[in-house]
Amino acid sequence: MISQWCFWFAFRSWVSGALASLVDTTFTFQLPYRGQNIINHFFCEPPALLKLASADTYSTEMAIFAMGVVILLAPVSLILVSYWNIISTVTQMQSGEGKLKAFSTCGSHLIVVVLFYGSGIFTYMRPNSKTTKERDKMISVFYTVVTPMLNPIIYSLRNKDVKGALRKLAGRKPFSHRQ
């Protein structure tokens, strides 16, 4: 990739993330908060803060939803269109080995994309409810902790040495002792 393109892709990504955060923060800070200021969540994110607001949160919810469209739906749509093109190209390949290699590479990436964007869309692209749900906390932890933690594991499973080590480990008897 040309270094100028790389710079502009990174720059646009940073700017769009900063703008989305600024919009969410601005709308969230304008709400009045009275009473307990304890968030029943693992970290401070806009949907969790909205549950503490003592006023109507509709405009803030709509701003968060709009940012979700820009930050979540636009990239995942581009990724899915790209995968549609990749799959249609790979299915036309003559070599079965080439198809398998291409689908293996794409499959691991697609798993990470679905896990990350799916949980993010579930969190930010639905109406806010005033009741705190344990499921909301689990979904948030899923896209902030579990998906990034699984990312290296999913990609390393394509490595032949890692696969061999896992097969060797799976072939061992549990609680077997070496002497």
Protein backbone atom coordinates (compact mmCIF):
# COMPACT_ATOMS: atom_id res chain seq x y z
CA MET A 1 0.00 0.00 0.00
CA ILE A 2 1.22 3.47 -0.78
CA SER A 3 2.38 5.20 2.42
CA GLN A 4 0.22 8.27 1.67
CA TRP A 5 -2.89 6.07 1.51
CA CYS A 6 -1.92 4.39 4.74
CA PHE A 7 -1.53 7.78 6.43
CA TRP A 8 -4.90 9.05 5.16
CA PHE A 9 -6.73 5.87 6.15
CA ALA A 10 -5.27 6.09 9.66
CA PHE A 11 -5.94 9.84 9.87
CA ARG A 12 -9.60 9.47 8.80
CA SER A 13 -10.06 6.65 11.25
CA TRP A 14 -8.67 8.73 14.14
CA VAL A 15 -10.69 11.81 13.21
CA SER A 16 -13.97 9.89 12.81
CA GLY A 17 -13.42 8.15 16.16
CA ALA A 18 -12.64 11.45 17.87
CA LEU A 19 -15.70 13.15 16.35
CA ALA A 20 -18.00 10.29 17.31
CA SER A 21 -16.68 10.37 20.87
CA LEU A 22 -17.06 14.16 20.98
CA VAL A 23 -20.69 13.99 19.84
CA ASP A 24 -21.55 11.21 22.30
CA THR A 25 -19.79 13.00 25.16
CA THR A 26 -21.35 16.38 24.39
CA PHE A 27 -24.88 15.01 24.29
CA THR A 28 -24.35 12.86 27.38
CA PHE A 29 -22.85 15.69 29.46
CA GLN A 30 -25.79 18.00 28.66
CA LEU A 31 -28.23 15.72 30.48
CA PRO A 32 -29.15 16.44 34.10
CA TYR A 33 -28.13 13.77 36.59
CA ARG A 34 -29.67 13.65 40.06
CA GLY A 35 -29.64 11.07 42.78
CA GLN A 36 -27.22 8.18 42.80
CA ASN A 37 -24.34 8.49 40.40
CA ILE A 38 -23.39 4.83 40.50
CA ILE A 39 -23.27 3.16 37.11
CA ASN A 40 -24.38 -0.46 37.16
CA HIS A 41 -21.89 -1.35 34.46
CA PHE A 42 -18.26 -2.35 33.97
CA PHE A 43 -17.21 0.97 32.49
CA CYS A 44 -18.62 4.37 31.67
CA GLU A 45 -20.21 4.26 28.22
CA PRO A 46 -23.10 6.38 26.90
CA PRO A 47 -25.89 3.76 27.09
CA ALA A 48 -25.02 3.11 30.75
CA LEU A 49 -24.94 6.85 31.52
CA LEU A 50 -28.35 7.40 29.91
CA LYS A 51 -29.89 5.13 32.52
CA LEU A 52 -28.83 7.63 35.22
CA ALA A 53 -30.26 10.72 33.52
CA SER A 54 -33.21 12.42 35.20
CA ALA A 55 -34.60 13.94 31.98
CA ASP A 56 -35.83 12.77 28.62
CA THR A 57 -32.91 11.15 26.78
CA TYR A 58 -34.50 10.88 23.33
CA SER A 59 -32.25 13.41 21.56
CA THR A 60 -29.15 11.90 23.12
CA GLU A 61 -30.30 8.40 22.12
CA MET A 62 -30.79 9.63 18.55
CA ALA A 63 -27.31 11.20 18.49
CA ILE A 64 -25.80 7.95 19.75
CA PHE A 65 -27.81 6.03 17.15
CA ALA A 66 -26.61 8.36 14.38
CA MET A 67 -23.00 7.90 15.49
CA GLY A 68 -23.64 4.15 15.51
CA VAL A 69 -24.73 4.33 11.89
CA VAL A 70 -21.53 6.16 10.95
CA ILE A 71 -19.10 4.22 13.15
CA LEU A 72 -20.69 0.74 13.04
CA LEU A 73 -23.03 0.25 10.10
CA ALA A 74 -20.97 2.05 7.45
CA PRO A 75 -17.75 0.04 8.03
CA VAL A 76 -19.54 -3.30 8.47
CA SER A 77 -21.48 -2.64 5.25
CA LEU A 78 -18.23 -1.98 3.36
CA ILE A 79 -16.70 -5.12 4.86
CA LEU A 80 -19.69 -7.25 3.85
CA VAL A 81 -19.67 -5.85 0.30
CA SER A 82 -15.94 -6.62 0.13
CA TYR A 83 -16.57 -10.16 1.30
CA TRP A 84 -19.34 -10.60 -1.24
CA ASN A 85 -16.84 -9.66 -3.96
CA ILE A 86 -14.14 -11.89 -2.46
CA ILE A 87 -16.47 -14.89 -2.20
CA SER A 88 -17.74 -14.46 -5.75
CA THR A 89 -14.12 -14.30 -7.00
CA VAL A 90 -12.97 -17.28 -4.91
CA THR A 91 -15.85 -19.48 -6.09
CA GLN A 92 -14.64 -18.96 -9.65
CA MET A 93 -11.14 -20.24 -8.83
CA GLN A 94 -10.16 -23.56 -10.39
CA SER A 95 -7.85 -24.81 -7.62
CA GLY A 96 -9.54 -26.48 -4.66
CA GLU A 97 -6.46 -25.84 -2.53
CA GLY A 98 -6.55 -22.15 -3.46
CA LYS A 99 -10.23 -21.93 -2.55
CA LEU A 100 -9.59 -23.60 0.80
CA LYS A 101 -6.69 -21.26 1.60
CA ALA A 102 -8.72 -18.17 0.62
CA PHE A 103 -11.76 -19.25 2.63
CA SER A 104 -9.56 -20.09 5.62
CA THR A 105 -8.05 -16.61 5.59
CA CYS A 106 -11.38 -14.90 5.06
CA GLY A 107 -13.19 -17.10 7.57
CA SER A 108 -11.01 -16.14 10.52
CA HIS A 109 -11.32 -12.45 9.71
CA LEU A 110 -15.07 -12.71 9.21
CA ILE A 111 -15.47 -14.38 12.62
CA VAL A 112 -13.71 -11.45 14.32
CA VAL A 113 -15.76 -8.92 12.32
CA VAL A 114 -19.06 -10.59 13.20
CA LEU A 115 -18.16 -10.89 16.89
CA PHE A 116 -16.99 -7.28 17.23
CA TYR A 117 -19.52 -5.47 15.06
CA GLY A 118 -22.41 -7.73 16.06
CA SER A 119 -22.00 -6.99 19.75
CA GLY A 120 -21.32 -3.28 19.09
CA ILE A 121 -24.43 -2.97 16.92
CA PHE A 122 -26.49 -4.76 19.58
CA THR A 123 -25.29 -2.27 22.20
CA TYR A 124 -25.52 1.02 20.29
CA MET A 125 -28.19 0.46 17.65
CA ARG A 126 -31.21 -0.30 19.81
CA PRO A 127 -33.45 1.83 21.99
CA ASN A 128 -32.26 2.52 25.51
CA SER A 129 -34.24 1.04 28.35
CA LYS A 130 -34.27 2.43 31.86
CA THR A 131 -33.70 -1.00 33.40
CA THR A 132 -30.14 -2.22 33.77
CA LYS A 133 -29.69 -5.69 32.39
CA GLU A 134 -26.89 -8.10 33.07
CA ARG A 135 -26.97 -8.96 29.39
CA ASP A 136 -26.01 -5.38 28.47
CA LYS A 137 -22.94 -5.63 30.68
CA MET A 138 -21.95 -8.98 29.21
CA ILE A 139 -22.31 -7.71 25.64
CA SER A 140 -20.18 -4.66 26.45
CA VAL A 141 -17.48 -6.80 27.99
CA PHE A 142 -17.71 -9.09 24.98
CA TYR A 143 -16.83 -6.41 22.43
CA THR A 144 -14.29 -4.62 24.63
CA VAL A 145 -12.48 -7.58 26.22
CA VAL A 146 -13.41 -10.96 24.74
CA THR A 147 -13.19 -10.11 21.03
CA PRO A 148 -9.77 -8.42 21.27
CA MET A 149 -8.57 -11.32 23.42
CA LEU A 150 -9.84 -13.89 20.89
CA ASN A 151 -8.36 -12.00 17.95
CA PRO A 152 -4.78 -13.34 18.29
CA ILE A 153 -6.08 -16.83 19.07
CA ILE A 154 -8.30 -16.91 15.98
CA TYR A 155 -5.53 -15.66 13.73
CA SER A 156 -2.89 -17.94 15.24
CA LEU A 157 -5.06 -21.00 14.57
CA ARG A 158 -4.09 -20.56 10.94
CA ASN A 159 -0.44 -21.15 11.91
CA LYS A 160 0.64 -24.77 11.27
CA ASP A 161 2.86 -24.91 14.37
CA VAL A 162 0.02 -23.76 16.61
CA LYS A 163 -2.34 -26.30 15.04
CA GLY A 164 0.21 -29.06 15.59
CA ALA A 165 0.71 -28.09 19.23
CA LEU A 166 -3.06 -28.06 19.83
CA ARG A 167 -3.46 -31.49 18.20
CA LYS A 168 -0.64 -32.83 20.36
CA LEU A 169 -2.25 -31.31 23.46
CA ALA A 170 -5.68 -32.69 22.53
CA GLY A 171 -4.17 -36.16 22.03
CA ARG A 172 -2.86 -36.32 25.61
CA LYS A 173 -4.82 -38.15 28.22
CA PRO A 174 -6.11 -35.93 31.00
CA PHE A 175 -4.16 -36.17 34.24
CA SER A 176 -1.43 -38.25 32.64
CA HIS A 177 1.86 -37.96 34.49
CA ARG A 178 5.25 -38.10 32.87
CA GLN A 179 8.01 -39.95 34.61
